[in-house]
């Protein structure tokens, strides 16, 4: 299963953006306030369905990027006969 399929995607996908929002309560003194924090992920995929880049932003504004490189000297172990 490719990383593209692991994200529930099919077909020629280059970029996928996922925005999540949830509700929680924040205590402010004696009162509770309803807040809706969220996070954002953006993935870029190669033509073979492997992930090339993953960017993530947390609800507090902090963020990070992971870039995945392929080494052509290492054989692809995602085909038939290999477990992922």
C-alpha atoms as a PDB file:
ATOM      1  CA  UNK A   1       0.000   0.000   0.000  1.00  0.00           C
ATOM      2  CA  UNK A   2       1.454   3.357  -0.986  1.00  0.00           C
ATOM      3  CA  UNK A   3       1.567   6.300   1.391  1.00  0.00           C
ATOM      4  CA  UNK A   4      -0.999   7.981  -0.847  1.00  0.00           C
ATOM      5  CA  UNK A   5      -3.403   5.085  -0.192  1.00  0.00           C
ATOM      6  CA  UNK A   6      -2.615   5.160   3.538  1.00  0.00           C
ATOM      7  CA  UNK A   7      -4.041   8.695   3.605  1.00  0.00           C
ATOM      8  CA  UNK A   8      -7.205   7.355   1.897  1.00  0.00           C
ATOM      9  CA  UNK A   9      -6.397   8.980  -1.449  1.00  0.00           C
ATOM     10  CA  UNK A  10      -6.505   7.554  -4.981  1.00  0.00           C
ATOM     11  CA  UNK A  11      -5.441   8.649  -8.413  1.00  0.00           C
ATOM     12  CA  UNK A  12      -2.896  11.238  -9.474  1.00  0.00           C
ATOM     13  CA  UNK A  13      -2.723  13.381  -6.334  1.00  0.00           C
ATOM     14  CA  UNK A  14       0.092  15.895  -5.937  1.00  0.00           C
ATOM     15  CA  UNK A  15      -0.955  17.842  -2.827  1.00  0.00           C
ATOM     16  CA  UNK A  16      -3.437  17.156  -0.047  1.00  0.00           C
ATOM     17  CA  UNK A  17      -4.341  19.650   2.686  1.00  0.00           C
ATOM     18  CA  UNK A  18      -6.056  18.420   5.842  1.00  0.00           C
ATOM     19  CA  UNK A  19      -7.557  20.926   8.294  1.00  0.00           C
ATOM     20  CA  UNK A  20      -8.950  19.682  11.580  1.00  0.00           C
ATOM     21  CA  UNK A  21     -10.916  21.655  14.160  1.00  0.00           C
ATOM     22  CA  UNK A  22     -12.230  20.417  17.470  1.00  0.00           C
ATOM     23  CA  UNK A  23     -14.154  21.929  20.343  1.00  0.00           C
ATOM     24  CA  UNK A  24     -12.907  22.150  23.891  1.00  0.00           C
ATOM     25  CA  UNK A  25     -13.504  24.278  26.930  1.00  0.00           C
ATOM     26  CA  UNK A  26     -10.961  26.708  28.317  1.00  0.00           C
ATOM     27  CA  UNK A  27     -11.284  27.817  31.900  1.00  0.00           C
ATOM     28  CA  UNK A  28     -11.047  31.577  32.382  1.00  0.00           C
ATOM     29  CA  UNK A  29     -11.355  32.311  36.087  1.00  0.00           C
ATOM     30  CA  UNK A  30     -14.781  31.048  37.185  1.00  0.00           C
ATOM     31  CA  UNK A  31     -16.134  30.882  33.629  1.00  0.00           C
ATOM     32  CA  UNK A  32     -15.638  28.303  30.916  1.00  0.00           C
ATOM     33  CA  UNK A  33     -15.166  29.437  27.365  1.00  0.00           C
ATOM     34  CA  UNK A  34     -15.775  27.291  24.292  1.00  0.00           C
ATOM     35  CA  UNK A  35     -12.730  27.335  22.000  1.00  0.00           C
ATOM     36  CA  UNK A  36     -12.133  25.671  18.637  1.00  0.00           C
ATOM     37  CA  UNK A  37      -8.437  24.946  18.212  1.00  0.00           C
ATOM     38  CA  UNK A  38      -7.216  23.087  15.156  1.00  0.00           C
ATOM     39  CA  UNK A  39      -4.240  21.983  13.155  1.00  0.00           C
ATOM     40  CA  UNK A  40      -3.279  21.784   9.489  1.00  0.00           C
ATOM     41  CA  UNK A  41      -1.262  19.201   7.558  1.00  0.00           C
ATOM     42  CA  UNK A  42      -0.189  19.445   3.945  1.00  0.00           C
ATOM     43  CA  UNK A  43       1.400  16.538   2.100  1.00  0.00           C
ATOM     44  CA  UNK A  44       3.068  16.427  -1.298  1.00  0.00           C
ATOM     45  CA  UNK A  45       3.255  13.102  -3.121  1.00  0.00           C
ATOM     46  CA  UNK A  46       5.447  11.739  -5.912  1.00  0.00           C
ATOM     47  CA  UNK A  47       4.010  10.077  -9.010  1.00  0.00           C
ATOM     48  CA  UNK A  48       4.562   6.629  -7.446  1.00  0.00           C
ATOM     49  CA  UNK A  49       2.391   7.575  -4.432  1.00  0.00           C
ATOM     50  CA  UNK A  50       5.251   7.973  -1.960  1.00  0.00           C
ATOM     51  CA  UNK A  51       5.309  11.039   0.231  1.00  0.00           C
ATOM     52  CA  UNK A  52       7.826  13.740  -0.704  1.00  0.00           C
ATOM     53  CA  UNK A  53       7.054  16.412   1.877  1.00  0.00           C
ATOM     54  CA  UNK A  54       4.868  16.794   4.969  1.00  0.00           C
ATOM     55  CA  UNK A  55       4.195  20.194   6.550  1.00  0.00           C
ATOM     56  CA  UNK A  56       2.260  20.494   9.818  1.00  0.00           C
ATOM     57  CA  UNK A  57       1.054  23.483  11.843  1.00  0.00           C
ATOM     58  CA  UNK A  58      -0.143  22.983  15.410  1.00  0.00           C
ATOM     59  CA  UNK A  59      -2.999  24.901  17.031  1.00  0.00           C
ATOM     60  CA  UNK A  60      -0.499  27.155  18.816  1.00  0.00           C
ATOM     61  CA  UNK A  61       1.078  28.271  15.514  1.00  0.00           C
ATOM     62  CA  UNK A  62       4.226  26.150  15.809  1.00  0.00           C
ATOM     63  CA  UNK A  63       5.044  24.270  12.643  1.00  0.00           C
ATOM     64  CA  UNK A  64       7.455  21.825  11.089  1.00  0.00           C
ATOM     65  CA  UNK A  65       8.338  20.363   7.710  1.00  0.00           C
ATOM     66  CA  UNK A  66       9.706  16.917   6.913  1.00  0.00           C
ATOM     67  CA  UNK A  67      11.184  16.259   3.477  1.00  0.00           C
ATOM     68  CA  UNK A  68      11.593  12.651   2.332  1.00  0.00           C
ATOM     69  CA  UNK A  69      14.344  11.865  -0.146  1.00  0.00           C
ATOM     70  CA  UNK A  70      14.675   8.707  -2.243  1.00  0.00           C
ATOM     71  CA  UNK A  71      17.996   6.930  -2.690  1.00  0.00           C
ATOM     72  CA  UNK A  72      17.970   5.228  -6.091  1.00  0.00           C
ATOM     73  CA  UNK A  73      20.732   2.855  -4.901  1.00  0.00           C
ATOM     74  CA  UNK A  74      18.311   1.254  -2.398  1.00  0.00           C
ATOM     75  CA  UNK A  75      15.824  -1.134  -4.037  1.00  0.00           C
ATOM     76  CA  UNK A  76      12.123  -0.375  -3.710  1.00  0.00           C
ATOM     77  CA  UNK A  77      10.704  -2.838  -1.180  1.00  0.00           C
ATOM     78  CA  UNK A  78       7.052  -1.925  -1.607  1.00  0.00           C
ATOM     79  CA  UNK A  79       6.266  -4.339  -4.435  1.00  0.00           C
ATOM     80  CA  UNK A  80       4.860  -7.883  -4.357  1.00  0.00           C
ATOM     81  CA  UNK A  81       6.543 -10.128  -1.821  1.00  0.00           C
ATOM     82  CA  UNK A  82       7.420  -7.313   0.584  1.00  0.00           C
ATOM     83  CA  UNK A  83       5.549  -6.234   3.684  1.00  0.00           C
ATOM     84  CA  UNK A  84       5.154  -2.571   4.451  1.00  0.00           C
END
